[in-house]
Protein backbone atom coordinates (compact mmCIF):
# COMPACT_ATOMS: atom_id res chain seq x y z
CA MET A 1 28.63 2.36 -25.20
CA ALA A 2 25.86 3.42 -27.60
CA PRO A 3 24.66 7.04 -27.69
CA ILE A 4 21.34 7.57 -25.93
CA SER A 5 18.44 7.84 -28.34
CA HIS A 6 15.50 10.22 -28.09
CA ARG A 7 13.35 7.38 -26.78
CA GLY A 8 16.07 6.55 -24.30
CA TYR A 9 15.99 10.09 -22.91
CA GLN A 10 12.21 9.94 -22.53
CA LEU A 11 12.38 6.61 -20.69
CA ALA A 12 15.16 7.93 -18.44
CA VAL A 13 13.09 10.98 -17.46
CA VAL A 14 10.07 8.79 -16.64
CA ASN A 15 12.21 6.39 -14.58
CA ILE A 16 13.88 9.15 -12.57
CA THR A 17 10.61 11.01 -11.95
CA ALA A 18 8.71 7.88 -10.90
CA LEU A 19 11.58 6.78 -8.64
CA ALA A 20 11.81 10.22 -6.98
CA LEU A 21 8.08 10.28 -6.23
CA ALA A 22 8.04 6.70 -4.95
CA THR A 23 11.12 7.20 -2.78
CA THR A 24 9.76 10.43 -1.27
CA ALA A 25 6.38 8.86 -0.52
CA THR A 26 8.01 5.80 1.04
CA ALA A 27 10.32 7.93 3.19
CA LEU A 28 7.34 9.94 4.48
CA ARG A 29 5.43 6.74 5.18
CA CYS A 30 8.34 5.31 7.15
CA TYR A 31 8.59 8.55 9.14
CA VAL A 32 4.89 8.51 10.01
CA ARG A 33 4.72 4.82 10.88
CA ALA A 34 8.05 4.51 12.70
CA CYS A 35 8.51 7.95 14.29
CA LEU A 36 5.05 9.44 14.75
CA LEU A 37 2.90 6.38 15.38
CA LYS A 38 5.69 3.97 16.40
CA ALA A 39 3.78 1.16 14.75
CA PHE A 40 5.86 -0.08 11.81
CA GLY A 41 3.97 -3.10 10.52
CA PRO A 42 4.24 -5.82 7.84
CA ASP A 43 2.60 -3.63 5.20
CA ASP A 44 5.24 -0.96 5.78
CA TRP A 45 8.09 -3.47 5.40
CA LEU A 46 6.52 -4.76 2.20
CA MET A 47 6.17 -1.27 0.74
CA LEU A 48 9.76 -0.53 1.69
CA ALA A 49 10.82 -3.72 -0.11
CA ALA A 50 8.77 -2.63 -3.13
CA SER A 51 10.60 0.71 -3.17
CA VAL A 52 14.00 -0.98 -3.03
CA SER A 53 12.99 -3.34 -5.83
CA PHE A 54 11.70 -0.41 -7.89
CA ALA A 55 15.02 1.39 -7.40
CA CYS A 56 16.75 -1.72 -8.77
CA TYR A 57 14.32 -1.78 -11.70
CA CYS A 58 15.06 1.84 -12.58
CA SER A 59 18.81 1.22 -12.28
CA PHE A 60 18.61 -1.75 -14.65
CA SER A 61 16.49 0.28 -17.07
CA LEU A 62 18.92 3.21 -17.04
CA LEU A 63 21.85 0.85 -17.64
CA GLY A 64 19.94 -0.62 -20.57
CA ILE A 65 19.35 2.88 -21.94
CA SER A 66 23.07 3.64 -21.78
CA HIS A 67 23.80 0.52 -23.85
CA GLY A 68 21.13 0.77 -26.54
CA THR A 69 17.55 0.55 -25.28
CA GLY A 70 15.43 2.63 -27.65
CA HIS A 71 17.66 1.99 -30.69
CA PHE A 72 17.11 -0.15 -33.76
CA VAL A 73 19.30 -3.24 -33.97
CA ALA A 74 21.05 -1.86 -37.05
CA ASP A 75 22.31 1.11 -35.01
CA LEU A 76 24.04 -1.09 -32.42
CA THR A 77 26.98 -3.42 -32.32
CA THR A 78 26.44 -7.05 -31.34
CA GLU A 79 27.93 -6.39 -27.92
CA GLU A 80 25.75 -3.33 -27.32
CA GLU A 81 22.59 -5.18 -28.29
CA SER A 82 23.46 -8.11 -26.01
CA THR A 83 24.21 -5.82 -23.07
CA ALA A 84 20.99 -3.81 -23.53
CA ARG A 85 18.90 -7.01 -23.74
CA LYS A 86 20.64 -8.33 -20.63
CA TRP A 87 19.58 -5.30 -18.59
CA TRP A 88 16.06 -5.61 -20.02
CA TRP A 89 16.01 -9.20 -18.72
CA HIS A 90 16.96 -7.93 -15.25
CA CYS A 91 14.01 -5.53 -15.42
CA TYR A 92 11.61 -8.47 -15.77
CA PHE A 93 12.16 -9.94 -12.32
CA ALA A 94 12.56 -6.52 -10.66
CA TYR A 95 9.17 -5.50 -12.07
CA ALA A 96 7.48 -8.72 -10.87
CA LEU A 97 9.00 -8.36 -7.39
CA THR A 98 8.02 -4.68 -7.13
CA MET A 99 4.40 -5.32 -8.04
CA LEU A 100 4.21 -8.35 -5.74
CA CYS A 101 5.48 -6.42 -2.71
CA ALA A 102 3.32 -3.36 -3.48
CA LYS A 103 0.14 -5.42 -3.88
CA MET A 104 0.86 -7.46 -0.75
CA SER A 105 1.43 -4.24 1.19
CA ILE A 106 -1.97 -2.92 0.08
CA ALA A 107 -3.54 -6.27 1.02
CA PHE A 108 -2.03 -6.11 4.52
CA PHE A 109 -3.19 -2.51 4.80
CA PHE A 110 -6.78 -3.56 4.07
CA SER A 111 -6.50 -6.52 6.46
CA ARG A 112 -6.17 -3.98 9.28
CA ILE A 113 -9.60 -2.51 8.63
CA THR A 114 -11.61 -5.56 7.57
CA VAL A 115 -14.63 -6.03 9.79
CA ARG A 116 -16.83 -8.69 8.24
CA ARG A 117 -15.88 -12.23 7.33
CA VAL A 118 -16.85 -11.72 3.70
CA HIS A 119 -14.30 -8.88 3.50
CA ARG A 120 -11.57 -11.25 4.61
CA TYR A 121 -12.59 -13.90 2.11
CA VAL A 122 -12.52 -11.42 -0.77
CA LEU A 123 -9.17 -10.10 0.41
CA ILE A 124 -7.70 -13.62 0.68
CA VAL A 125 -8.89 -14.62 -2.79
CA THR A 126 -7.56 -11.41 -4.32
CA THR A 127 -4.21 -11.86 -2.58
CA LEU A 128 -3.92 -15.45 -3.79
CA PHE A 129 -4.55 -14.38 -7.38
CA THR A 130 -1.89 -11.71 -6.99
CA LEU A 131 0.65 -14.19 -5.62
CA ILE A 132 -0.01 -16.80 -8.29
CA SER A 133 0.10 -14.33 -11.19
CA CYS A 134 3.28 -12.59 -9.97
CA PHE A 135 5.16 -15.84 -9.41
CA ALA A 136 3.99 -17.27 -12.75
CA PHE A 137 5.09 -14.12 -14.59
CA PHE A 138 8.38 -14.08 -12.67
CA PHE A 139 9.41 -17.63 -13.54
CA ALA A 140 8.07 -17.46 -17.11
CA CYS A 141 10.12 -14.36 -17.89
CA ILE A 142 13.27 -15.42 -16.07
CA PHE A 143 13.36 -18.88 -17.65
CA GLN A 144 11.86 -18.07 -21.04
CA CYS A 145 15.16 -19.11 -22.62
CA TRP A 146 17.50 -21.98 -21.85
CA PRO A 147 20.22 -21.43 -21.04
CA VAL A 148 19.01 -18.23 -19.41
CA SER A 149 21.77 -16.17 -21.03
CA TYR A 150 20.45 -17.14 -24.47
CA PHE A 151 17.85 -14.38 -24.04
CA TRP A 152 20.53 -11.72 -24.58
CA ASP A 153 23.32 -13.69 -26.22
CA LYS A 154 22.19 -15.56 -29.33
CA HIS A 155 25.45 -15.03 -31.20
CA THR A 156 27.99 -17.06 -29.22
CA GLN A 157 25.89 -19.98 -28.03
CA SER A 158 23.00 -22.20 -28.98
CA GLY A 159 19.75 -22.53 -27.08
CA LYS A 160 16.00 -22.20 -27.32
CA CYS A 161 13.30 -19.89 -26.02
CA ILE A 162 9.60 -20.14 -25.30
CA PRO A 163 7.65 -18.85 -28.33
CA ASN A 164 6.98 -15.12 -28.14
CA ARG A 165 3.23 -15.66 -28.40
CA ILE A 166 3.28 -17.52 -25.07
CA ILE A 167 5.22 -14.75 -23.34
CA ILE A 168 2.82 -12.17 -24.80
CA ALA A 169 -0.19 -14.19 -23.64
CA LEU A 170 1.27 -14.46 -20.14
CA ALA A 171 1.99 -10.73 -20.06
CA LEU A 172 -1.58 -9.96 -21.10
CA LEU A 173 -2.95 -12.40 -18.52
CA PHE A 174 -0.78 -10.80 -15.85
CA SER A 175 -2.05 -7.35 -16.87
CA VAL A 176 -5.69 -8.50 -16.71
CA ILE A 177 -5.21 -10.02 -13.24
CA ASN A 178 -3.47 -6.83 -12.11
CA LEU A 179 -6.39 -4.81 -13.41
CA LEU A 180 -8.97 -7.00 -11.65
CA THR A 181 -7.10 -6.92 -8.33
CA ASP A 182 -6.74 -3.13 -8.64
CA ILE A 183 -10.48 -2.77 -9.17
CA THR A 184 -11.16 -5.05 -6.19
CA PHE A 185 -8.82 -3.04 -3.96
CA ALA A 186 -10.44 0.17 -5.25
CA LEU A 187 -13.96 -0.96 -4.30
CA MET A 188 -13.12 -2.53 -0.94
CA PRO A 189 -12.63 0.75 1.00
CA ALA A 190 -16.15 1.94 0.17
CA TRP A 191 -17.53 -1.47 1.06
CA ILE A 192 -15.73 -1.60 4.41
CA VAL A 193 -16.11 2.03 5.50
CA SER A 194 -19.81 2.12 4.64
CA ARG A 195 -20.55 0.12 7.81
CA LEU A 196 -18.49 2.27 10.15
CA ASN A 197 -20.15 4.82 12.40
CA MET A 198 -18.67 8.10 11.22
CA LYS A 199 -19.62 11.24 9.35
CA LEU A 200 -20.15 11.03 5.61
CA LYS A 201 -17.34 13.52 5.03
CA THR A 202 -14.92 11.32 6.97
CA LYS A 203 -16.08 8.22 5.11
CA LEU A 204 -15.50 9.84 1.74
CA ALA A 205 -12.04 11.02 2.81
CA LEU A 206 -11.06 7.53 3.96
CA VAL A 207 -12.37 5.90 0.79
CA ALA A 208 -10.43 8.36 -1.34
CA LEU A 209 -7.22 7.87 0.62
CA MET A 210 -7.36 4.08 0.68
CA GLY A 211 -8.46 3.86 -2.94
CA LEU A 212 -5.40 5.81 -4.07
CA GLY A 213 -3.34 2.64 -3.90
CA CYS A 214 -5.21 1.33 -6.95
CA VAL A 215 -4.61 4.14 -9.44
CA ALA A 216 -1.85 2.08 -11.03
CA SER A 217 -4.60 0.28 -12.96
CA ALA A 218 -4.73 3.30 -15.30
CA ALA A 219 -1.15 2.56 -16.42
CA VAL A 220 -2.07 -1.11 -16.92
CA LEU A 221 -4.90 -0.16 -19.26
CA VAL A 222 -2.70 2.15 -21.32
CA ARG A 223 0.09 -0.44 -21.56
CA MET A 224 -2.02 -3.38 -22.71
CA PRO A 225 -2.22 -2.38 -26.43
CA TYR A 226 1.61 -2.33 -26.57
CA VAL A 227 2.33 -5.67 -24.88
CA HIS A 228 2.47 -7.56 -28.20
CA LEU A 229 5.52 -5.47 -29.20
CA ILE A 230 7.78 -7.42 -26.81
CA GLY A 231 7.79 -10.15 -29.48
CA SER A 232 9.08 -7.78 -32.17
CA ASP A 233 12.38 -8.37 -33.95
CA GLU A 234 13.21 -4.77 -33.01
CA PHE A 235 12.72 -5.54 -29.33
CA LEU A 236 14.87 -2.73 -27.92
CA HIS A 237 13.13 -0.10 -30.02
CA ASP A 238 9.52 -1.31 -30.07
CA SER A 239 9.31 -2.21 -26.36
CA PHE A 240 9.68 1.48 -25.48
CA HIS A 241 5.98 1.99 -24.60
CA VAL A 242 5.89 -1.17 -22.49
CA ALA A 243 8.91 0.09 -20.54
CA ILE A 244 7.41 3.56 -20.09
CA TRP A 245 4.08 2.38 -18.72
CA SER A 246 5.63 -0.33 -16.57
CA SER A 247 7.69 2.35 -14.81
CA VAL A 248 4.59 4.52 -14.40
CA GLU A 249 2.59 1.59 -13.03
CA GLU A 250 5.21 0.73 -10.40
CA GLY A 251 5.75 4.34 -9.39
CA LEU A 252 2.02 4.99 -9.03
CA ALA A 253 1.44 1.79 -7.08
CA ILE A 254 4.09 2.70 -4.50
CA THR A 255 3.37 6.43 -4.30
CA ALA A 256 -0.40 6.12 -4.06
CA GLY A 257 -0.14 3.21 -1.64
CA CYS A 258 1.97 5.37 0.69
CA LEU A 259 -0.27 8.44 0.50
CA ALA A 260 -3.03 6.56 2.32
CA THR A 261 -0.84 6.42 5.46
CA LEU A 262 0.19 10.09 5.64
CA GLN A 263 -2.93 11.46 7.32
CA PRO A 264 -1.24 11.87 10.75
CA LEU A 265 1.58 13.87 9.15
CA VAL A 266 -0.89 16.13 7.35
CA LYS A 267 -2.74 16.76 10.62
CA GLN A 268 0.51 17.47 12.43
CA ILE A 269 1.53 20.02 9.79
CA ALA A 270 -1.92 21.62 9.96
CA TYR A 271 -1.53 21.88 13.74
CA LYS A 272 1.88 23.53 13.38
CA PHE A 273 0.38 26.18 11.09
CA GLY A 274 -2.56 26.76 13.39
CA LEU A 275 -5.15 25.12 11.14
CA ARG A 276 -6.09 22.57 13.80
CA SER A 277 -6.64 22.92 17.54
CA HIS A 278 -4.68 19.75 18.31
CA PRO A 279 -2.55 17.20 16.44
CA SER A 280 -3.56 13.58 15.93
CA VAL A 281 -0.22 12.23 17.14
CA PRO A 282 2.27 13.28 19.85
CA LEU A 283 4.68 16.01 18.80
CA GLY A 284 7.31 15.39 21.47
CA GLU A 285 7.81 15.19 25.19
CA SER A 286 7.94 18.97 25.53
CA ASP A 287 4.63 19.54 23.80
CA ASP A 288 1.62 20.17 26.00
CA TYR A 289 -0.56 17.93 23.91
CA ALA A 290 1.96 15.12 24.03
CA ASN A 291 1.94 15.35 27.83
CA SER A 292 -1.83 15.34 28.06
CA ARG A 293 -3.56 12.34 29.58
CA MET A 294 -5.65 11.83 26.46
CA ASN A 295 -2.58 11.36 24.31
CA ARG A 296 -0.81 9.04 26.77
CA ALA A 297 -3.91 6.86 26.93
CA ALA A 298 -4.35 6.61 23.16
CA ILE A 299 -4.71 3.01 22.05
CA SER A 300 -4.61 1.20 18.74
CA VAL A 301 -7.02 -1.60 18.02
CA ARG A 302 -8.10 -3.93 15.26
CA THR A 303 -11.37 -3.11 13.57
CA GLU A 304 -12.97 -6.20 15.05
CA PHE A 305 -13.00 -4.13 18.26
CA THR A 306 -14.17 -0.95 16.58
CA HIS A 307 -16.92 -2.90 14.85
CA HIS A 308 -18.38 -3.79 18.24
CA ALA A 309 -18.15 -0.11 19.15
CA GLU A 310 -20.01 1.13 16.09
CA THR A 311 -23.27 1.57 17.99
CA LEU A 312 -21.61 3.28 20.94
CA VAL A 313 -22.04 6.80 19.68
CA ASP A 314 -22.02 8.81 22.85
CA MET A 315 -21.69 8.57 26.60
CA GLY A 316 -24.87 7.69 28.45
CA ASP A 317 -25.94 8.82 31.87
CA GLY A 318 -25.21 5.48 33.49
CA GLN A 319 -27.91 3.80 31.41
CA ASP A 320 -27.36 0.45 29.77
CA ALA A 321 -28.66 -0.01 26.23
CA ARG A 322 -29.46 -3.63 27.00
CA SER A 323 -31.73 -2.70 29.86
CA GLY A 324 -34.27 -1.25 27.45
CA LYS A 325 -34.51 1.97 29.41
CA GLY A 326 -33.46 4.11 26.50
CA GLY A 327 -30.57 6.49 26.23
CA ALA A 328 -27.19 5.98 24.66
CA PRO A 329 -25.38 2.72 25.45
CA GLN A 330 -22.71 2.95 28.13
CA LEU A 331 -19.09 2.72 27.02
CA PRO A 332 -16.48 0.72 28.92
CA LEU A 333 -14.90 2.46 31.87
CA GLY A 334 -12.35 5.03 30.74
CA VAL A 335 -13.45 5.11 27.12
CA ILE A 336 -15.03 8.48 26.43
CA ALA A 337 -14.98 8.66 22.63
CA TYR A 338 -14.22 6.56 19.62
CA SER A 339 -12.41 7.92 16.57
CA ALA A 340 -12.09 6.20 13.18
CA ALA A 341 -9.96 8.86 11.53
CA GLY A 342 -6.50 7.61 12.51
CA TYR A 343 -4.15 5.05 11.06
CA SER A 344 -2.33 3.36 13.90
CA THR A 345 -1.25 -0.17 14.61
CA SER A 346 -0.01 -2.09 17.62
CA GLU A 347 -1.38 -5.58 18.19
CA GLU A 348 0.56 -6.05 21.44
CA ARG A 349 -0.97 -2.88 22.84
CA LEU A 350 -4.34 -4.10 21.64
CA ARG A 351 -4.14 -7.32 23.61
CA ASP A 352 -3.18 -5.53 26.80
CA THR A 353 -5.65 -2.68 26.44
CA THR A 354 -8.72 -4.46 25.19
CA SER A 355 -8.43 -7.14 27.86
CA SER A 356 -8.36 -4.48 30.55
CA LEU A 357 -11.33 -2.71 28.97
CA ASP A 358 -13.28 -5.96 28.91
CA ASP A 359 -12.50 -6.55 32.60
CA GLU A 360 -13.70 -3.09 33.50
CA SER A 361 -16.79 -3.43 31.35
CA SER A 362 -17.79 -6.67 33.10
CA LYS A 363 -17.85 -4.83 36.40
CA GLY A 364 -20.39 -2.31 35.12
CA GLY A 365 -23.10 -3.46 37.50
CA GLU A 366 -20.89 -2.78 40.53
CA ARG A 367 -19.71 0.70 39.62
CA GLY A 368 -22.95 2.60 40.20
CA THR A 369 -22.45 6.21 40.96
CA ALA A 370 -18.71 5.75 41.56
CA SER A 371 -18.14 5.07 37.87
CA ARG A 372 -19.19 8.58 36.94
CA GLU A 373 -16.92 10.08 39.55
CA GLY A 374 -13.97 7.88 38.57
CA ARG A 375 -14.49 8.54 34.92
CA SER A 376 -13.15 12.07 35.22
CA LYS A 377 -9.92 10.66 36.69
CA ILE A 378 -9.36 8.15 33.91
CA PRO A 379 -7.52 9.16 30.74
CA THR A 380 -9.56 9.37 27.59
CA ALA A 381 -8.97 6.50 25.16
CA ILE A 382 -9.21 7.05 21.45
CA VAL A 383 -9.90 4.07 19.25
CA ARG A 384 -8.09 4.34 15.92
CA ILE A 385 -8.53 2.21 12.81
CA LYS A 386 -5.39 0.23 11.97
């Protein structure tokens, strides 16, 4: 086993730090989504898969470091060079899988809050580009040599590889597509939230939180000038910067993507320290707030429903906005206020709840004065963005 070089130590520190941040962020996300909100969705599974894949990537990279990554070929034995290149090869598909799962998780996250049809079209096109580029990069890197083992063992067998210029071109193309999808995902929150009926401060906070999942584009930009070095004869030594910024990109993508889901946990902590008058999620069966009727009646809906509620800003005095008599439009029976500050998901609950709200709303003409009296007996329902 080759001694670890100075570059190897630097890469190891970056890998361990990025993995620790990504693992912590993913664990907090799982706690919020599974324990606090009880709404673990496809985007959460995908981000969990991305974290597992990233852990594999870091393991492969550390094994490569222990066998010669960061060294010149002249400083290694034939066996050490082959072993280090073998672990580098394993990093290729782990990287592609990590970025695919992370990007798909962000895409599913945005699909929960899309309101307009054009948003969905942009999201679908961006997701397709991500899928195509990740799979193309995956297969090109895995099968760049035939037999596959010829990539790391050119001494005991014969074979052939795709010219380095093609691999470099594919890596650059993959980086450009990653950059474009990151920019698209960064701009979408502002585009979507701009049409929601909420305070400017809340809009800015949501845009900042959801846009955090795209900060990995900074690592892509920094890495691009070094991509051509993967075709160097001193591959293990010269690919150091590519390895560094690939680890940073993956760690940022996972960490920042998870931060956008931690708002309920932050609010709960603020409530525990007395910085808020009430939490945004139930704290347990023994908690007064958890036993309140407002909390038990909380519902989670898709933004198609909240979009229809954008103009319902306050409770009217029994007046219907459609009647032309003025006043605030009347909300469905039992719905006192709408909130767009949460992050909660449950499509089954949506189907049950929204159908009942629609039934009650259709009986608006028959309620009369009784609706106002019954309203005080009906739990408050809070609409939360998924």
